[in-house]
Amino acid sequence: MEDLLIRIWEDLAGRVGGPMKFRLILQPTIAAIFAIRAGLGDAVEGKPAYFWAILSNPSHRSELLREGWKAVSKVFAMAVAIDVIYQYLVLRWFYPAEALIVAFGLAFIPYLLIRGPVNRMARRFRMEDET
């Protein structure tokens, strides 16, 4: 088990300096664009910050996660596909868990971290404009 974790860690670290490293900028940027659009929409609709709503509102948690997944699923799928290509070119093997870890880190985490703050900032600027 320890060997598996070491291999995964080394493979993930190798992606930073390896070929196709531009995707490490491109994919989070695309996820951020989707998060900004959703955060602005949340502000217009008066919804609470996304991540905070997931944590604090268990009755709507699954609905919010489905909504977030729907918004970021295309970026996530693209991140998986690009990582599969990377693995084939560099590692000459396919490790599904690594592809999912990379896709989660490049697509869903940036989305989750950006959507709520954009909502808060947009609401704050809207409130300043109204006064």
Protein backbone atom coordinates (compact mmCIF):
# COMPACT_ATOMS: atom_id res chain seq x y z
CA MET A 1 0.00 0.00 0.00
CA GLU A 2 2.85 2.36 0.83
CA ASP A 3 4.41 1.68 -2.58
CA LEU A 4 1.12 2.56 -4.25
CA LEU A 5 0.88 5.89 -2.44
CA ILE A 6 4.51 6.70 -3.26
CA ARG A 7 3.93 5.93 -6.95
CA ILE A 8 0.78 8.05 -7.03
CA TRP A 9 2.56 10.95 -5.31
CA GLU A 10 5.54 10.74 -7.68
CA ASP A 11 3.28 10.50 -10.74
CA LEU A 12 1.23 13.51 -9.62
CA ALA A 13 4.36 15.55 -8.88
CA GLY A 14 5.76 14.64 -12.31
CA ARG A 15 2.77 16.25 -14.00
CA VAL A 16 3.87 19.70 -12.85
CA GLY A 17 7.01 19.83 -14.95
CA GLY A 18 6.16 17.29 -17.60
CA PRO A 19 4.67 17.69 -21.05
CA MET A 20 1.22 19.23 -21.38
CA LYS A 21 1.78 21.34 -18.25
CA PHE A 22 -0.21 24.19 -19.81
CA ARG A 23 -3.36 22.28 -18.84
CA LEU A 24 -2.48 22.95 -15.19
CA ILE A 25 -3.31 26.58 -15.93
CA LEU A 26 -5.99 26.14 -18.59
CA GLN A 27 -8.31 23.74 -16.77
CA PRO A 28 -8.54 25.66 -13.46
CA THR A 29 -9.05 28.84 -15.50
CA ILE A 30 -12.01 27.30 -17.32
CA ALA A 31 -13.41 26.03 -14.01
CA ALA A 32 -12.98 29.54 -12.60
CA ILE A 33 -14.89 31.04 -15.52
CA PHE A 34 -17.79 28.66 -14.87
CA ALA A 35 -17.60 29.47 -11.14
CA ILE A 36 -17.65 33.21 -11.79
CA ARG A 37 -20.70 32.89 -14.03
CA ALA A 38 -22.49 30.76 -11.43
CA GLY A 39 -21.45 33.06 -8.56
CA LEU A 40 -22.79 36.11 -10.40
CA GLY A 41 -26.03 34.23 -11.05
CA ASP A 42 -26.25 33.32 -7.36
CA ALA A 43 -25.81 36.98 -6.42
CA VAL A 44 -28.59 38.07 -8.75
CA GLU A 45 -30.89 35.38 -7.33
CA GLY A 46 -29.93 36.25 -3.74
CA LYS A 47 -28.55 32.80 -2.98
CA PRO A 48 -26.01 32.27 -0.20
CA ALA A 49 -22.34 31.56 -0.91
CA TYR A 50 -22.12 28.15 -2.59
CA PHE A 51 -19.56 26.31 -0.45
CA TRP A 52 -21.02 27.74 2.76
CA ALA A 53 -24.49 26.65 1.69
CA ILE A 54 -23.21 23.12 1.08
CA LEU A 55 -21.68 22.98 4.56
CA SER A 56 -24.46 24.70 6.48
CA ASN A 57 -27.62 23.52 4.74
CA PRO A 58 -27.85 19.71 4.83
CA SER A 59 -31.40 19.68 3.50
CA HIS A 60 -30.24 21.21 0.18
CA ARG A 61 -26.72 19.74 0.11
CA SER A 62 -27.38 17.06 -2.49
CA GLU A 63 -29.25 19.52 -4.70
CA LEU A 64 -26.38 22.02 -4.50
CA LEU A 65 -23.78 19.35 -5.23
CA ARG A 66 -25.78 18.17 -8.26
CA GLU A 67 -26.03 21.76 -9.50
CA GLY A 68 -22.27 22.27 -9.06
CA TRP A 69 -21.49 18.94 -10.71
CA LYS A 70 -23.69 19.82 -13.67
CA ALA A 71 -21.84 23.10 -14.10
CA VAL A 72 -18.34 21.64 -13.83
CA SER A 73 -18.87 18.16 -15.33
CA LYS A 74 -17.66 19.13 -18.80
CA VAL A 75 -14.45 20.62 -17.42
CA PHE A 76 -14.03 17.55 -15.20
CA ALA A 77 -14.52 15.17 -18.13
CA MET A 78 -12.03 17.15 -20.21
CA ALA A 79 -9.52 17.05 -17.34
CA VAL A 80 -9.89 13.26 -17.16
CA ALA A 81 -9.51 12.90 -20.93
CA ILE A 82 -6.41 15.09 -21.04
CA ASP A 83 -4.89 13.21 -18.12
CA VAL A 84 -5.53 9.90 -19.89
CA ILE A 85 -3.63 11.26 -22.90
CA TYR A 86 -0.84 12.46 -20.60
CA GLN A 87 -0.63 9.06 -18.92
CA TYR A 88 -0.48 7.28 -22.24
CA LEU A 89 2.27 9.56 -23.59
CA VAL A 90 4.41 9.79 -20.45
CA LEU A 91 3.64 6.83 -18.20
CA ARG A 92 2.66 4.36 -20.94
CA TRP A 93 -0.07 3.11 -18.64
CA PHE A 94 -3.47 4.22 -17.38
CA TYR A 95 -4.10 4.79 -13.68
CA PRO A 96 -7.80 5.69 -13.23
CA ALA A 97 -7.43 6.90 -9.64
CA GLU A 98 -4.71 9.34 -10.66
CA ALA A 99 -6.85 10.67 -13.50
CA LEU A 100 -9.73 11.28 -11.09
CA ILE A 101 -7.46 12.95 -8.52
CA VAL A 102 -6.03 15.28 -11.16
CA ALA A 103 -9.45 16.09 -12.61
CA PHE A 104 -10.89 16.77 -9.16
CA GLY A 105 -7.98 19.06 -8.34
CA LEU A 106 -8.06 20.92 -11.65
CA ALA A 107 -11.81 21.25 -12.12
CA PHE A 108 -13.98 20.84 -9.04
CA ILE A 109 -11.80 22.39 -6.33
CA PRO A 110 -11.26 25.71 -8.15
CA TYR A 111 -14.99 25.85 -8.91
CA LEU A 112 -15.86 25.18 -5.29
CA LEU A 113 -13.44 27.78 -3.96
CA ILE A 114 -14.31 30.58 -6.40
CA ARG A 115 -18.09 30.49 -6.75
CA GLY A 116 -18.94 31.62 -3.21
CA PRO A 117 -16.52 34.55 -2.98
CA VAL A 118 -17.68 35.82 -6.38
CA ASN A 119 -21.25 35.73 -5.09
CA ARG A 120 -20.27 37.71 -1.99
CA MET A 121 -18.30 40.30 -3.96
CA ALA A 122 -21.07 40.73 -6.53
CA ARG A 123 -23.67 41.21 -3.81
CA ARG A 124 -21.44 43.72 -2.03
CA PHE A 125 -20.86 45.74 -5.23
CA ARG A 126 -24.57 45.58 -6.05
CA MET A 127 -25.47 46.87 -2.61
CA GLU A 128 -22.96 49.73 -2.96
CA ASP A 129 -24.43 50.65 -6.35
CA GLU A 130 -27.92 50.80 -4.91
CA THR A 131 -26.96 53.22 -2.15
